[in-house]
Amino acid sequence: MSAYLIVQATVTDPAKFGPYAQGTAALVAKLGGEYIVLGDQPEVLEGDWPGGLTVISRWPSREAAKAFYESPEYTELRQLRTDCCVAHIALARGVDEMPE
């Protein structure tokens, strides 16, 4: 079953964020993920939204998404991220078929 990593991030140092974003994009592709949302402030239709970047990546499975997140390569990149942005990250299960 597919899985989605959902990220909301506020960049505090754009110069440092560039290397993190580039390294992460390459690693997502290498480990089987794909970006489906990669952008700035979405249009808010209801409620409060924390602002910043919204990034959603699709993975073939929850295990694949966690393997990316826990990989040694991403552990290094995560250190870059903590120096340049504040992020909230969640892992959600996808729906491969609609229930009957």
C-alpha atoms as a PDB file:
ATOM      1  CA  MET A   1       0.000   0.000   0.000  1.00  0.00           C
ATOM      2  CA  SER A   2       1.332   3.430  -0.887  1.00  0.00           C
ATOM      3  CA  ALA A   3       2.398   5.975   1.715  1.00  0.00           C
ATOM      4  CA  TYR A   4       2.892   9.721   1.752  1.00  0.00           C
ATOM      5  CA  LEU A   5       5.426  11.860   3.585  1.00  0.00           C
ATOM      6  CA  ILE A   6       3.828  15.226   4.263  1.00  0.00           C
ATOM      7  CA  VAL A   7       6.085  18.133   5.175  1.00  0.00           C
ATOM      8  CA  GLN A   8       5.239  21.662   6.230  1.00  0.00           C
ATOM      9  CA  ALA A   9       8.384  23.731   6.635  1.00  0.00           C
ATOM     10  CA  THR A  10       9.301  27.316   7.377  1.00  0.00           C
ATOM     11  CA  VAL A  11      12.696  28.173   5.884  1.00  0.00           C
ATOM     12  CA  THR A  12      14.796  30.358   8.168  1.00  0.00           C
ATOM     13  CA  ASP A  13      18.002  30.421   6.071  1.00  0.00           C
ATOM     14  CA  PRO A  14      17.425  30.092   2.305  1.00  0.00           C
ATOM     15  CA  ALA A  15      21.162  29.894   1.516  1.00  0.00           C
ATOM     16  CA  LYS A  16      21.573  26.797   3.689  1.00  0.00           C
ATOM     17  CA  PHE A  17      18.262  25.319   2.556  1.00  0.00           C
ATOM     18  CA  GLY A  18      19.387  24.969  -1.088  1.00  0.00           C
ATOM     19  CA  PRO A  19      21.922  22.167  -0.485  1.00  0.00           C
ATOM     20  CA  TYR A  20      19.423  20.338   1.749  1.00  0.00           C
ATOM     21  CA  ALA A  21      16.662  20.540  -0.875  1.00  0.00           C
ATOM     22  CA  GLN A  22      18.936  19.385  -3.703  1.00  0.00           C
ATOM     23  CA  GLY A  23      20.362  16.475  -1.724  1.00  0.00           C
ATOM     24  CA  THR A  24      16.940  15.402  -0.536  1.00  0.00           C
ATOM     25  CA  ALA A  25      15.432  15.507  -4.039  1.00  0.00           C
ATOM     26  CA  ALA A  26      18.183  13.245  -5.361  1.00  0.00           C
ATOM     27  CA  LEU A  27      17.756  10.822  -2.462  1.00  0.00           C
ATOM     28  CA  VAL A  28      13.957  10.707  -2.804  1.00  0.00           C
ATOM     29  CA  ALA A  29      14.361   9.702  -6.469  1.00  0.00           C
ATOM     30  CA  LYS A  30      17.119   7.192  -5.690  1.00  0.00           C
ATOM     31  CA  LEU A  31      15.092   5.432  -2.985  1.00  0.00           C
ATOM     32  CA  GLY A  32      11.854   5.140  -4.944  1.00  0.00           C
ATOM     33  CA  GLY A  33       9.834   8.167  -3.900  1.00  0.00           C
ATOM     34  CA  GLU A  34       8.335  10.881  -6.062  1.00  0.00           C
ATOM     35  CA  TYR A  35       7.214  14.399  -5.288  1.00  0.00           C
ATOM     36  CA  ILE A  36       3.554  15.103  -5.910  1.00  0.00           C
ATOM     37  CA  VAL A  37       3.435  18.506  -4.177  1.00  0.00           C
ATOM     38  CA  LEU A  38       6.432  20.809  -4.009  1.00  0.00           C
ATOM     39  CA  GLY A  39       5.505  24.378  -3.416  1.00  0.00           C
ATOM     40  CA  ASP A  40       4.985  27.439  -1.370  1.00  0.00           C
ATOM     41  CA  GLN A  41       1.937  28.580   0.557  1.00  0.00           C
ATOM     42  CA  PRO A  42      -1.176  26.679  -0.614  1.00  0.00           C
ATOM     43  CA  GLU A  43      -4.530  28.393  -0.973  1.00  0.00           C
ATOM     44  CA  VAL A  44      -6.250  27.910   2.382  1.00  0.00           C
ATOM     45  CA  LEU A  45      -9.913  27.009   2.024  1.00  0.00           C
ATOM     46  CA  GLU A  46     -10.723  26.453   5.703  1.00  0.00           C
ATOM     47  CA  GLY A  47      -9.064  26.875   9.065  1.00  0.00           C
ATOM     48  CA  ASP A  48      -5.590  28.071   9.925  1.00  0.00           C
ATOM     49  CA  TRP A  49      -2.506  26.998   7.997  1.00  0.00           C
ATOM     50  CA  PRO A  50       0.977  27.399   9.457  1.00  0.00           C
ATOM     51  CA  GLY A  51       2.443  28.761   6.220  1.00  0.00           C
ATOM     52  CA  GLY A  52       5.775  28.050   4.591  1.00  0.00           C
ATOM     53  CA  LEU A  53       6.559  25.249   2.161  1.00  0.00           C
ATOM     54  CA  THR A  54       4.307  22.256   1.639  1.00  0.00           C
ATOM     55  CA  VAL A  55       5.950  19.111   0.265  1.00  0.00           C
ATOM     56  CA  ILE A  56       4.301  15.738  -0.279  1.00  0.00           C
ATOM     57  CA  SER A  57       6.165  12.711  -1.569  1.00  0.00           C
ATOM     58  CA  ARG A  58       4.569   9.414  -2.570  1.00  0.00           C
ATOM     59  CA  TRP A  59       6.249   6.117  -1.698  1.00  0.00           C
ATOM     60  CA  PRO A  60       5.456   2.546  -2.747  1.00  0.00           C
ATOM     61  CA  SER A  61       4.951   1.557   0.903  1.00  0.00           C
ATOM     62  CA  ARG A  62       5.192   2.809   4.458  1.00  0.00           C
ATOM     63  CA  GLU A  63       8.364   0.743   4.817  1.00  0.00           C
ATOM     64  CA  ALA A  64       9.956   2.460   1.798  1.00  0.00           C
ATOM     65  CA  ALA A  65       9.131   5.910   3.199  1.00  0.00           C
ATOM     66  CA  LYS A  66      10.574   5.020   6.593  1.00  0.00           C
ATOM     67  CA  ALA A  67      13.667   3.499   4.948  1.00  0.00           C
ATOM     68  CA  PHE A  68      14.239   6.867   3.249  1.00  0.00           C
ATOM     69  CA  TYR A  69      13.632   8.861   6.436  1.00  0.00           C
ATOM     70  CA  GLU A  70      15.861   6.613   8.562  1.00  0.00           C
ATOM     71  CA  SER A  71      18.616   6.145   5.946  1.00  0.00           C
ATOM     72  CA  PRO A  72      22.160   7.254   6.788  1.00  0.00           C
ATOM     73  CA  GLU A  73      22.071   9.632   3.802  1.00  0.00           C
ATOM     74  CA  TYR A  74      18.933  11.394   5.018  1.00  0.00           C
ATOM     75  CA  THR A  75      20.213  11.458   8.585  1.00  0.00           C
ATOM     76  CA  GLU A  76      23.075  13.637   7.298  1.00  0.00           C
ATOM     77  CA  LEU A  77      20.706  15.819   5.279  1.00  0.00           C
ATOM     78  CA  ARG A  78      18.406  16.167   8.271  1.00  0.00           C
ATOM     79  CA  GLN A  79      21.259  17.857  10.141  1.00  0.00           C
ATOM     80  CA  LEU A  80      21.399  20.463   7.354  1.00  0.00           C
ATOM     81  CA  ARG A  81      17.643  20.950   7.595  1.00  0.00           C
ATOM     82  CA  THR A  82      17.629  21.610  11.335  1.00  0.00           C
ATOM     83  CA  ASP A  83      20.043  24.507  10.744  1.00  0.00           C
ATOM     84  CA  CYS A  84      17.894  26.214   8.112  1.00  0.00           C
ATOM     85  CA  CYS A  85      14.216  25.506   8.700  1.00  0.00           C
ATOM     86  CA  VAL A  86      11.536  24.397  11.106  1.00  0.00           C
ATOM     87  CA  ALA A  87       9.691  21.351   9.779  1.00  0.00           C
ATOM     88  CA  HIS A  88       6.667  19.285  10.702  1.00  0.00           C
ATOM     89  CA  ILE A  89       6.701  15.859   9.043  1.00  0.00           C
ATOM     90  CA  ALA A  90       4.026  13.170   9.015  1.00  0.00           C
ATOM     91  CA  LEU A  91       3.708   9.769   7.368  1.00  0.00           C
ATOM     92  CA  ALA A  92       0.252   8.854   6.063  1.00  0.00           C
ATOM     93  CA  ARG A  93      -1.058   5.633   4.559  1.00  0.00           C
ATOM     94  CA  GLY A  94      -2.282   5.934   0.991  1.00  0.00           C
ATOM     95  CA  VAL A  95      -5.419   4.430  -0.513  1.00  0.00           C
ATOM     96  CA  ASP A  96      -4.745   2.056  -3.377  1.00  0.00           C
ATOM     97  CA  GLU A  97      -8.398   1.104  -3.791  1.00  0.00           C
ATOM     98  CA  MET A  98     -11.536   2.756  -2.544  1.00  0.00           C
ATOM     99  CA  PRO A  99     -13.335   0.621   0.038  1.00  0.00           C
ATOM    100  CA  GLU A 100     -16.664  -0.784  -1.071  1.00  0.00           C
END
